[in-house]
Amino acid sequence: MGPVYHTTQQLLTLIAGLGSNCSAPYFTETRNETVDGLKIMSVVVGAEHANKAAAPEKLRVMLTFGAHGREYFASEVAYKFLSTLCDGSDRSTNILNDVAFAIIPVFNPSGRTRTDSADAKGVRTTFLSEQQCTDRRKNGNLVDINRNFDVSWSMSDGSSGYEGDDDYRGPSAMSEVEPNTANKLRADWQPDMYMDLHTGTVAMYMPWNYKDESVADEQASKDMNTLLESVVSAKYESGKSIWDGSAAGVPSREPDVGIGSEVSYLASGTASDFMQSKGVKYNFIWEMYEASELAARRSGARMVGESSMRRNGKRKLPRGGGESLPYARPTDIAARRRVSSEPANALLPAGDSTRTSSTPDEWRNDECFKYFNPTTDAGLTFWLTTWNEALLRLNEKLIAVERSP
């Protein structure tokens, strides 16, 4: 049986359970709670606690998955990666000898829970067909938490002050619990590298995202590019690119790489830029999936004029926004705020061996879900395997760069 999607509650339960058989130190805790009462969990692998003192000699990496709830697949990658780190293989052991990880596997449980399948008791109040796609991006206050960080927060070209927009930045910088939770973990962990993992296109961004500049530290900028290029060019022992999905019949391509504001649109108040501003050495946004057949039908992130839409004569990539997908009506906002399902149980009955798809029909027929997430068994298997491999390769290269004489 291949991989399946998990509801938010099921996923967090599985992730917490990895610790019982993990070959490395494994520590989970509830870091905070959302405005609608959902827990924000963190996981540390390779150290006993989520603070620098627990791994002073190691490289420390921090990752957040699923800042936008409708990007459901991102948190499945977190589970896959954590499972691999715990598997006791020589490869995982070698990485964990030099690197410790602090991970928030479901950064926006409010948004992700809105996408969960109906639970067995039937108490869910809002189904996919009744939801705005925009709402599934946002948190319990219908704020885009990846525009709420305190770095050029109010810049109109990089986010919106209008509550109905995909990239609504909130009433003030750091007004939301999720960015504050990430900032506290950063302060405790003091990472050498931070990664924020999304879906919405296939790309890897370096700072800055809010302005057309690279970071001031030229060596750090060069090293970030080296790290990403090593992943994009990665091949298996057979010589086949890790991005080649042809054998599985999966449309695939190598990620675009570059400064976020140049490869894609301007985005202010992002977690990656915030971490850069706080002194984290290496910072990345990874966008891990788009449905190629739907991509041409949507405009992506905010457009701020024709000059910002092209780079070297090429149209810029979308971010995780979806302006051509179902639109949030301003009159509905107050009623929709903090509306999410009850924590759902497993998407599939326990022990089910008769399924024909990893994805419930409700999702496969939903355009919003289909754009941001693989909806075939082959696609889910390929992209989980590929992005897990990419994360392993990146951290192996990080060790090589940082530990070189």
Protein backbone atom coordinates (compact mmCIF):
# COMPACT_ATOMS: atom_id res chain seq x y z
CA MET A 1 0.00 0.00 0.00
CA GLY A 2 1.36 3.39 -0.98
CA PRO A 3 1.24 6.63 1.01
CA VAL A 4 -2.07 8.23 1.94
CA TYR A 5 -3.11 11.66 3.11
CA HIS A 6 -3.77 12.10 6.80
CA THR A 7 -6.09 14.46 8.62
CA THR A 8 -4.36 17.05 10.77
CA GLN A 9 -5.09 15.26 14.04
CA GLN A 10 -4.06 11.89 12.64
CA LEU A 11 -0.85 13.35 11.26
CA LEU A 12 0.12 14.96 14.56
CA THR A 13 -0.61 11.71 16.39
CA LEU A 14 1.58 9.75 13.99
CA ILE A 15 4.39 12.30 14.27
CA ALA A 16 4.29 12.20 18.07
CA GLY A 17 4.36 8.41 17.91
CA LEU A 18 7.58 8.32 15.90
CA GLY A 19 9.50 9.03 19.08
CA SER A 20 8.82 5.58 20.54
CA ASN A 21 10.97 3.89 17.89
CA CYS A 22 13.23 6.70 16.73
CA SER A 23 16.91 5.79 16.58
CA ALA A 24 17.87 9.35 17.62
CA PRO A 25 16.83 11.68 20.43
CA TYR A 26 13.26 12.77 19.67
CA PHE A 27 11.35 15.41 21.61
CA THR A 28 7.85 16.76 20.98
CA GLU A 29 6.00 19.52 22.75
CA THR A 30 3.05 21.82 22.31
CA ARG A 31 4.57 25.23 21.68
CA ASN A 32 1.32 27.17 21.58
CA GLU A 33 -2.38 27.09 20.78
CA THR A 34 -4.25 28.79 17.95
CA VAL A 35 -7.15 31.19 18.47
CA ASP A 36 -9.54 28.33 17.70
CA GLY A 37 -7.96 26.00 20.23
CA LEU A 38 -5.70 23.83 18.03
CA LYS A 39 -2.26 22.84 19.22
CA ILE A 40 0.92 23.97 17.46
CA MET A 41 3.40 21.12 17.91
CA SER A 42 7.16 21.21 17.53
CA VAL A 43 9.49 18.25 17.11
CA VAL A 44 13.21 18.11 17.81
CA VAL A 45 15.31 15.31 16.32
CA GLY A 46 18.96 14.87 17.25
CA ALA A 47 18.73 16.75 20.54
CA GLU A 48 16.86 16.39 23.82
CA HIS A 49 15.17 19.81 23.87
CA ALA A 50 14.37 22.76 21.62
CA ASN A 51 17.18 25.03 22.70
CA LYS A 52 20.71 25.72 21.53
CA ALA A 53 22.21 24.33 24.72
CA ALA A 54 20.85 20.89 23.79
CA ALA A 55 22.95 20.77 20.60
CA PRO A 56 25.73 23.35 20.95
CA GLU A 57 28.23 21.53 18.74
CA LYS A 58 25.81 20.61 15.97
CA LEU A 59 24.46 22.58 13.08
CA ARG A 60 20.90 23.50 13.98
CA VAL A 61 18.18 23.55 11.34
CA MET A 62 14.64 24.85 11.79
CA LEU A 63 11.78 23.97 9.44
CA THR A 64 8.13 25.01 9.25
CA PHE A 65 5.66 23.13 7.05
CA GLY A 66 2.17 24.13 5.99
CA ALA A 67 1.92 27.85 6.77
CA HIS A 68 -0.98 27.86 4.33
CA GLY A 69 -3.53 25.23 5.28
CA ARG A 70 -4.71 24.38 1.78
CA GLU A 71 -1.13 23.33 0.95
CA TYR A 72 -1.99 20.06 2.65
CA PHE A 73 0.83 18.10 1.05
CA ALA A 74 3.54 20.15 2.78
CA SER A 75 2.88 18.60 6.19
CA GLU A 76 2.89 15.12 4.65
CA VAL A 77 6.47 15.86 3.56
CA ALA A 78 7.24 16.74 7.19
CA TYR A 79 6.02 13.32 8.31
CA LYS A 80 8.01 11.58 5.59
CA PHE A 81 11.18 13.48 6.49
CA LEU A 82 10.82 12.85 10.22
CA SER A 83 10.21 9.15 9.55
CA THR A 84 13.40 9.01 7.51
CA LEU A 85 15.47 10.79 10.15
CA CYS A 86 14.28 8.20 12.67
CA ASP A 87 14.89 5.10 10.53
CA GLY A 88 18.37 4.28 11.87
CA SER A 89 19.93 4.07 8.41
CA ASP A 90 23.58 4.97 7.90
CA ARG A 91 22.52 7.98 5.89
CA SER A 92 20.19 9.42 8.54
CA THR A 93 22.68 8.63 11.29
CA ASN A 94 25.45 10.45 9.43
CA ILE A 95 23.27 13.53 9.01
CA LEU A 96 22.21 13.52 12.66
CA ASN A 97 25.82 13.24 13.78
CA ASP A 98 26.26 16.80 12.57
CA VAL A 99 22.77 18.29 12.41
CA ALA A 100 19.88 18.62 14.85
CA PHE A 101 16.42 19.64 13.67
CA ALA A 102 13.61 21.68 15.21
CA ILE A 103 10.45 21.28 13.14
CA ILE A 104 6.91 22.63 13.23
CA PRO A 105 5.20 20.04 11.03
CA VAL A 106 1.81 21.76 10.88
CA PHE A 107 2.43 25.49 11.16
CA ASN A 108 -1.20 26.47 10.46
CA PRO A 109 -3.45 23.77 11.95
CA SER A 110 -6.48 26.06 11.66
CA GLY A 111 -6.23 26.34 7.89
CA ARG A 112 -5.27 22.70 7.38
CA THR A 113 -8.13 21.49 9.56
CA ARG A 114 -10.59 23.32 7.29
CA THR A 115 -9.51 20.93 4.55
CA ASP A 116 -9.78 17.77 6.66
CA SER A 117 -12.32 15.21 5.56
CA ALA A 118 -15.57 14.94 7.54
CA ASP A 119 -15.05 12.98 10.72
CA ALA A 120 -16.90 9.78 11.54
CA LYS A 121 -19.34 11.47 13.93
CA GLY A 122 -20.53 13.88 11.25
CA VAL A 123 -20.10 16.93 13.45
CA ARG A 124 -18.15 18.95 10.91
CA THR A 125 -19.94 22.20 10.07
CA THR A 126 -18.11 23.44 6.97
CA PHE A 127 -17.39 21.24 3.95
CA LEU A 128 -15.08 21.92 1.02
CA SER A 129 -17.95 22.80 -1.30
CA GLU A 130 -19.02 25.50 1.15
CA GLN A 131 -15.57 27.01 1.70
CA GLN A 132 -13.63 29.77 0.01
CA CYS A 133 -10.24 28.58 -1.21
CA THR A 134 -8.81 31.76 0.30
CA ASP A 135 -9.98 30.75 3.76
CA ARG A 136 -8.12 27.46 3.61
CA ARG A 137 -4.89 29.43 3.14
CA LYS A 138 -5.31 31.47 6.30
CA ASN A 139 -5.32 30.97 10.06
CA GLY A 140 -8.17 31.14 12.55
CA ASN A 141 -8.38 34.92 12.19
CA LEU A 142 -8.32 34.66 8.38
CA VAL A 143 -4.85 36.19 8.28
CA ASP A 144 -2.07 35.01 5.96
CA ILE A 145 0.54 34.17 8.58
CA ASN A 146 3.33 34.31 5.97
CA ARG A 147 2.63 38.02 5.51
CA ASN A 148 2.34 38.78 9.23
CA PHE A 149 6.02 38.67 10.25
CA ASP A 150 7.68 41.91 11.26
CA VAL A 151 9.79 42.59 8.19
CA SER A 152 8.49 45.29 5.82
CA TRP A 153 5.09 44.20 7.06
CA SER A 154 3.10 47.17 5.76
CA MET A 155 4.57 47.23 2.23
CA SER A 156 1.58 47.45 -0.10
CA ASP A 157 3.36 45.80 -3.04
CA GLY A 158 4.12 42.70 -1.00
CA SER A 159 0.87 42.01 0.85
CA SER A 160 -2.66 43.30 1.27
CA GLY A 161 -4.47 45.26 3.96
CA TYR A 162 -7.81 44.01 2.64
CA GLU A 163 -9.27 41.09 4.60
CA GLY A 164 -10.71 39.38 1.55
CA ASP A 165 -7.38 38.99 -0.25
CA ASP A 166 -5.28 35.84 -0.21
CA ASP A 167 -2.31 37.71 1.24
CA TYR A 168 -4.06 39.73 3.94
CA ARG A 169 -1.29 40.66 6.34
CA GLY A 170 -3.43 41.14 9.47
CA PRO A 171 -4.15 44.19 11.63
CA SER A 172 -0.54 44.62 12.74
CA ALA A 173 2.85 42.96 12.45
CA MET A 174 3.12 39.81 14.59
CA SER A 175 -0.54 40.06 15.53
CA GLU A 176 -0.97 36.30 15.11
CA VAL A 177 0.00 33.47 17.39
CA GLU A 178 1.72 31.42 14.67
CA PRO A 179 4.48 33.94 13.75
CA ASN A 180 5.13 34.56 17.44
CA THR A 181 5.43 30.82 18.02
CA ALA A 182 7.99 30.51 15.22
CA ASN A 183 9.93 33.49 16.53
CA LYS A 184 10.11 32.01 20.02
CA LEU A 185 11.37 28.71 18.61
CA ARG A 186 13.99 30.63 16.61
CA ALA A 187 15.15 32.45 19.73
CA ASP A 188 15.41 29.20 21.68
CA TRP A 189 16.96 27.09 18.92
CA GLN A 190 19.18 29.74 17.28
CA PRO A 191 19.27 27.91 13.95
CA ASP A 192 22.01 28.05 11.35
CA MET A 193 19.45 27.39 8.63
CA TYR A 194 15.71 28.01 8.35
CA MET A 195 13.32 26.56 5.79
CA ASP A 196 9.66 27.36 5.16
CA LEU A 197 7.99 24.71 3.01
CA HIS A 198 4.91 25.34 0.84
CA THR A 199 3.18 24.30 -2.35
CA GLY A 200 1.86 26.49 -5.17
CA THR A 201 4.66 26.21 -7.70
CA VAL A 202 7.97 24.30 -7.96
CA ALA A 203 10.76 26.60 -6.83
CA MET A 204 13.36 27.39 -4.19
CA TYR A 205 13.70 30.99 -3.02
CA MET A 206 16.46 32.81 -1.18
CA PRO A 207 16.06 36.21 0.52
CA TRP A 208 15.03 38.75 -0.09
CA ASN A 209 11.40 38.27 -0.97
CA TYR A 210 10.22 41.82 -0.31
CA LYS A 211 12.89 43.62 -2.35
CA ASP A 212 14.97 42.96 -5.45
CA GLU A 213 18.24 42.45 -3.62
CA SER A 214 20.33 39.58 -2.37
CA VAL A 215 21.49 39.51 1.23
CA ALA A 216 24.36 41.81 2.13
CA ASP A 217 26.68 38.98 3.19
CA GLU A 218 28.13 37.96 -0.19
CA GLN A 219 29.58 34.69 1.07
CA ALA A 220 26.30 33.65 2.69
CA SER A 221 24.47 34.52 -0.52
CA LYS A 222 26.93 32.45 -2.54
CA ASP A 223 26.65 29.53 -0.13
CA MET A 224 22.84 29.62 -0.24
CA ASN A 225 22.97 29.40 -4.00
CA THR A 226 25.48 26.54 -3.77
CA LEU A 227 23.21 24.65 -1.39
CA LEU A 228 20.19 24.98 -3.65
CA GLU A 229 21.99 24.24 -6.90
CA SER A 230 23.37 21.03 -5.39
CA VAL A 231 19.79 19.89 -4.78
CA VAL A 232 18.48 20.92 -8.19
CA SER A 233 21.29 19.04 -9.95
CA ALA A 234 21.02 15.97 -7.70
CA LYS A 235 20.98 12.53 -9.33
CA TYR A 236 20.48 9.03 -8.04
CA GLU A 237 23.26 6.46 -8.46
CA SER A 238 21.67 5.42 -11.75
CA GLY A 239 22.39 8.89 -13.11
CA LYS A 240 18.72 9.80 -13.21
CA SER A 241 17.71 13.21 -11.90
CA ILE A 242 15.73 13.09 -8.67
CA TRP A 243 13.23 15.40 -10.41
CA ASP A 244 12.49 13.01 -13.28
CA GLY A 245 9.00 11.58 -12.80
CA SER A 246 8.70 10.00 -16.25
CA ALA A 247 8.95 6.42 -15.01
CA ALA A 248 5.95 7.04 -12.75
CA GLY A 249 4.07 8.96 -15.42
CA VAL A 250 4.21 12.11 -13.30
CA PRO A 251 4.64 15.55 -14.92
CA SER A 252 7.70 16.98 -13.23
CA ARG A 253 10.47 19.51 -13.62
CA GLU A 254 13.47 20.86 -11.79
CA PRO A 255 12.66 23.69 -9.37
CA ASP A 256 13.47 27.25 -10.34
CA VAL A 257 16.07 28.75 -8.02
CA GLY A 258 16.91 32.32 -7.11
CA ILE A 259 16.18 35.39 -5.04
CA GLY A 260 12.50 35.23 -4.19
CA SER A 261 11.62 38.73 -5.36
CA GLU A 262 13.26 38.10 -8.73
CA VAL A 263 12.01 34.59 -9.44
CA SER A 264 8.53 35.34 -8.15
CA TYR A 265 6.51 38.34 -7.00
CA LEU A 266 7.32 40.63 -4.13
CA ALA A 267 6.15 39.25 -0.80
CA SER A 268 6.52 41.17 2.45
CA GLY A 269 6.22 39.94 6.02
CA THR A 270 7.46 36.43 5.19
CA ALA A 271 8.94 34.01 7.69
CA SER A 272 12.08 33.54 5.60
CA ASP A 273 12.87 37.24 5.38
CA PHE A 274 12.11 37.66 9.07
CA MET A 275 14.56 34.91 10.00
CA GLN A 276 17.16 36.54 7.77
CA SER A 277 16.61 39.85 9.53
CA LYS A 278 17.15 38.10 12.87
CA GLY A 279 20.57 36.80 11.87
CA VAL A 280 19.86 33.26 10.71
CA LYS A 281 22.62 32.52 8.18
CA TYR A 282 20.75 30.48 5.55
CA ASN A 283 17.06 30.97 4.78
CA PHE A 284 14.87 29.35 2.15
CA ILE A 285 11.31 29.06 0.94
CA TRP A 286 10.56 25.85 -0.92
CA GLU A 287 7.46 25.54 -3.11
CA MET A 288 6.92 21.83 -3.67
CA TYR A 289 3.98 21.29 -6.02
CA GLU A 290 1.70 22.78 -8.62
CA ALA A 291 -0.86 21.12 -10.86
CA SER A 292 0.52 21.92 -14.29
CA GLU A 293 -2.87 21.62 -15.96
CA LEU A 294 -4.33 24.28 -13.65
CA ALA A 295 -1.31 26.59 -13.42
CA ALA A 296 -2.08 28.57 -16.57
CA ARG A 297 -5.53 29.42 -15.27
CA ARG A 298 -4.47 31.34 -12.21
CA SER A 299 -2.58 34.56 -11.71
CA GLY A 300 -0.67 33.58 -8.57
CA ALA A 301 0.50 36.16 -6.08
CA ARG A 302 -0.33 39.84 -6.18
CA MET A 303 0.53 41.64 -9.40
CA VAL A 304 1.98 45.10 -9.03
CA GLY A 305 2.38 46.09 -12.65
CA GLU A 306 3.72 44.54 -15.82
CA SER A 307 7.34 45.31 -14.92
CA SER A 308 7.12 43.06 -11.87
CA MET A 309 5.57 40.19 -13.81
CA ARG A 310 8.63 39.35 -15.89
CA ARG A 311 12.24 38.46 -15.20
CA ASN A 312 14.71 38.43 -18.08
CA GLY A 313 11.78 38.35 -20.45
CA LYS A 314 10.11 35.43 -18.66
CA ARG A 315 6.90 35.55 -16.70
CA LYS A 316 7.53 35.33 -12.96
CA LEU A 317 6.42 32.32 -10.97
CA PRO A 318 3.33 32.37 -8.77
CA ARG A 319 3.61 32.00 -5.03
CA GLY A 320 1.04 30.21 -2.93
CA GLY A 321 -1.76 32.67 -3.72
CA GLY A 322 -4.62 31.86 -5.99
CA GLU A 323 -6.48 34.93 -7.21
CA SER A 324 -8.31 32.99 -9.91
CA LEU A 325 -9.54 30.37 -7.45
CA PRO A 326 -12.78 30.82 -5.42
CA TYR A 327 -12.75 34.33 -3.98
CA ALA A 328 -13.50 35.46 -0.41
CA ARG A 329 -16.46 37.83 -0.26
CA PRO A 330 -16.00 40.62 2.31
CA THR A 331 -19.53 40.24 3.67
CA ASP A 332 -18.74 36.66 4.70
CA ILE A 333 -15.55 37.33 6.62
CA ALA A 334 -16.92 37.86 10.11
CA ALA A 335 -19.08 34.75 9.88
CA ARG A 336 -16.23 32.61 8.53
CA ARG A 337 -13.59 33.66 11.02
CA ARG A 338 -12.48 30.85 13.32
CA VAL A 339 -14.80 28.35 11.60
CA SER A 340 -13.09 24.98 11.29
CA SER A 341 -14.04 21.36 11.67
CA GLU A 342 -13.88 19.34 14.80
CA PRO A 343 -10.61 17.37 14.90
CA ALA A 344 -11.19 14.59 12.38
CA ASN A 345 -10.27 10.95 12.56
CA ALA A 346 -8.47 8.93 9.89
CA LEU A 347 -9.39 9.64 6.30
CA LEU A 348 -9.55 5.91 5.67
CA PRO A 349 -10.87 3.21 8.01
CA ALA A 350 -8.18 1.54 10.07
CA GLY A 351 -6.74 -1.44 8.23
CA ASP A 352 -8.44 -0.54 4.97
CA SER A 353 -6.83 -2.55 2.17
CA THR A 354 -9.44 -1.98 -0.52
CA ARG A 355 -8.85 1.66 -1.35
CA THR A 356 -8.24 2.65 -4.97
CA SER A 357 -6.83 6.11 -4.30
CA SER A 358 -4.83 7.94 -1.65
CA THR A 359 -7.17 10.92 -2.06
CA PRO A 360 -10.86 11.09 -1.13
CA ASP A 361 -13.26 11.92 -3.96
CA GLU A 362 -14.16 15.19 -2.25
CA TRP A 363 -10.59 16.38 -2.73
CA ARG A 364 -10.00 15.02 -6.21
CA ASN A 365 -13.05 16.95 -7.39
CA ASP A 366 -12.06 20.18 -5.64
CA GLU A 367 -10.10 22.62 -7.81
CA CYS A 368 -8.48 24.37 -4.87
CA PHE A 369 -7.14 21.13 -3.40
CA LYS A 370 -6.04 19.84 -6.80
CA TYR A 371 -3.95 22.89 -7.54
CA PHE A 372 -1.89 22.71 -4.37
CA ASN A 373 -1.65 18.96 -3.80
CA PRO A 374 -1.03 15.75 -5.77
CA THR A 375 -4.28 13.85 -6.21
CA THR A 376 -3.04 10.58 -7.71
CA ASP A 377 -1.24 7.74 -5.96
CA ALA A 378 1.65 8.03 -8.42
CA GLY A 379 1.94 11.77 -7.90
CA LEU A 380 1.79 11.58 -4.13
CA THR A 381 4.39 8.81 -4.04
CA PHE A 382 6.76 10.55 -6.45
CA TRP A 383 6.64 14.00 -4.87
CA LEU A 384 6.93 12.69 -1.30
CA THR A 385 9.98 10.65 -2.30
CA THR A 386 11.52 13.49 -4.28
CA TRP A 387 11.15 16.24 -1.69
CA ASN A 388 12.31 13.94 1.08
CA GLU A 389 15.41 13.20 -1.00
CA ALA A 390 15.86 16.93 -1.62
CA LEU A 391 15.81 17.66 2.11
CA LEU A 392 18.37 14.94 2.78
CA ARG A 393 20.62 16.24 -0.01
CA LEU A 394 20.37 19.82 1.24
CA ASN A 395 21.44 18.89 4.75
CA GLU A 396 24.27 16.72 3.48
CA LYS A 397 25.49 19.70 1.46
CA LEU A 398 25.07 21.97 4.49
CA ILE A 399 27.41 19.71 6.42
CA ALA A 400 29.93 19.78 3.57
CA VAL A 401 29.83 23.59 3.33
CA GLU A 402 29.95 24.30 7.05
CA ARG A 403 32.42 21.59 8.05
CA SER A 404 34.87 22.12 5.20
CA PRO A 405 38.32 23.32 6.31
